[in-house]
Protein backbone atom coordinates (compact mmCIF):
# COMPACT_ATOMS: atom_id res chain seq x y z
CA MET A 1 55.98 39.35 141.34
CA ASN A 2 56.27 42.74 142.96
CA GLU A 3 59.94 42.12 143.58
CA VAL A 4 60.52 41.39 139.91
CA LYS A 5 58.69 44.59 138.93
CA ASN A 6 60.64 46.63 141.44
CA ARG A 7 63.91 45.18 140.22
CA LYS A 8 63.03 45.98 136.61
CA SER A 9 61.95 49.50 137.44
CA ARG A 10 65.15 50.07 139.41
CA GLN A 11 67.20 48.85 136.47
CA SER A 12 65.40 51.09 134.02
CA ASN A 13 65.77 54.07 136.37
CA SER A 14 69.48 53.47 136.76
CA VAL A 15 69.86 53.31 132.99
CA LYS A 16 67.97 56.56 132.63
CA ARG A 17 70.13 58.22 135.23
CA ARG A 18 73.28 57.21 133.42
CA SER A 19 72.05 58.65 130.14
CA LYS A 20 70.98 61.94 131.72
CA GLN A 21 74.43 62.75 133.09
CA PRO A 22 75.94 65.73 131.30
CA ARG A 23 78.81 64.91 129.00
CA LYS A 24 82.16 66.39 129.79
CA LYS A 25 83.24 68.81 127.13
CA THR A 26 86.76 68.15 125.98
CA PRO A 27 88.64 71.05 124.45
CA THR A 28 88.89 70.71 120.69
CA ILE A 29 91.37 72.31 118.35
CA GLY A 30 89.77 74.74 115.93
CA ILE A 31 90.01 74.31 112.17
CA LYS A 32 92.08 77.47 111.81
CA VAL A 33 94.69 76.13 114.21
CA LYS A 34 94.83 72.83 112.30
CA ILE A 35 95.30 74.62 108.97
CA PHE A 36 98.00 76.87 110.44
CA ALA A 37 99.85 73.86 111.88
CA PHE A 38 99.66 72.07 108.52
CA LEU A 39 101.00 75.10 106.63
CA LEU A 40 103.75 75.51 109.20
CA ALA A 41 104.78 71.87 108.75
CA VAL A 42 104.79 72.21 104.94
CA ALA A 43 106.92 75.36 105.14
CA ALA A 44 109.37 73.63 107.48
CA ILE A 45 109.69 70.64 105.14
CA ILE A 46 110.30 72.91 102.14
CA MET A 47 112.94 74.89 104.02
CA ILE A 48 114.71 71.74 105.21
CA TYR A 49 114.67 70.22 101.72
CA SER A 50 115.99 73.36 100.05
CA ASN A 51 118.78 73.80 102.58
CA PHE A 52 119.98 70.23 102.59
CA SER A 53 119.35 69.08 99.05
CA SER A 54 122.29 68.02 96.94
CA PRO A 55 121.81 70.51 94.05
CA ALA A 56 121.81 73.44 96.46
CA ARG A 57 125.08 72.27 98.01
CA VAL A 58 126.70 71.73 94.60
CA LEU A 59 125.70 75.21 93.38
CA ARG A 60 126.95 76.80 96.59
CA ASP A 61 130.25 74.93 96.25
CA PHE A 62 130.47 75.86 92.54
CA TYR A 63 130.12 79.60 93.20
CA ARG A 64 132.54 79.43 96.10
CA LYS A 65 135.22 77.80 93.93
CA VAL A 66 134.64 80.29 91.10
CA ASN A 67 135.10 83.18 93.51
CA ASP A 68 138.24 81.61 94.99
CA HIS A 69 139.64 80.92 91.47
CA LYS A 70 140.07 77.20 92.23
CA TYR A 71 139.45 76.02 88.68
CA GLY A 72 141.15 72.66 89.13
CA GLU A 73 138.70 71.71 91.88
CA LEU A 74 135.85 73.26 89.91
CA TYR A 75 136.42 70.78 87.07
CA GLU A 76 135.18 67.96 89.35
CA LEU A 77 131.78 69.63 89.66
CA VAL A 78 131.26 70.26 85.94
CA ASP A 79 130.20 67.60 83.43
CA THR A 80 132.14 68.38 80.25
CA ASP A 81 133.99 66.71 77.36
CA MET A 82 137.08 68.89 77.84
CA SER A 83 140.15 67.71 79.65
CA LYS A 84 141.06 69.24 82.98
CA ASP A 85 143.90 71.30 81.47
CA GLU A 86 141.67 72.73 78.70
CA PHE A 87 139.03 73.63 81.25
CA THR A 88 141.44 75.44 83.57
CA ASN A 89 143.04 77.31 80.64
CA LYS A 90 139.65 78.55 79.35
CA MET A 91 138.57 79.72 82.79
């Protein structure tokens, strides 16, 4: 009987010892750092989209061809009812 009591008390003591051990503190990222990282990611996505989107490339190409006076090639970028000859003559 004593052995059973001793065994139980040892088990309960070992459980108590385990629970009393201090927890290791892991470094956590602050909320300000998380918000800054999120805003940085959003800004990067916006910049990538604006630089590589199709409308931006078409507008850049349009202005380049206007400046170089390449009106025949410019006709391909414009949606119009005019023929290519009419378009180049009006430009």
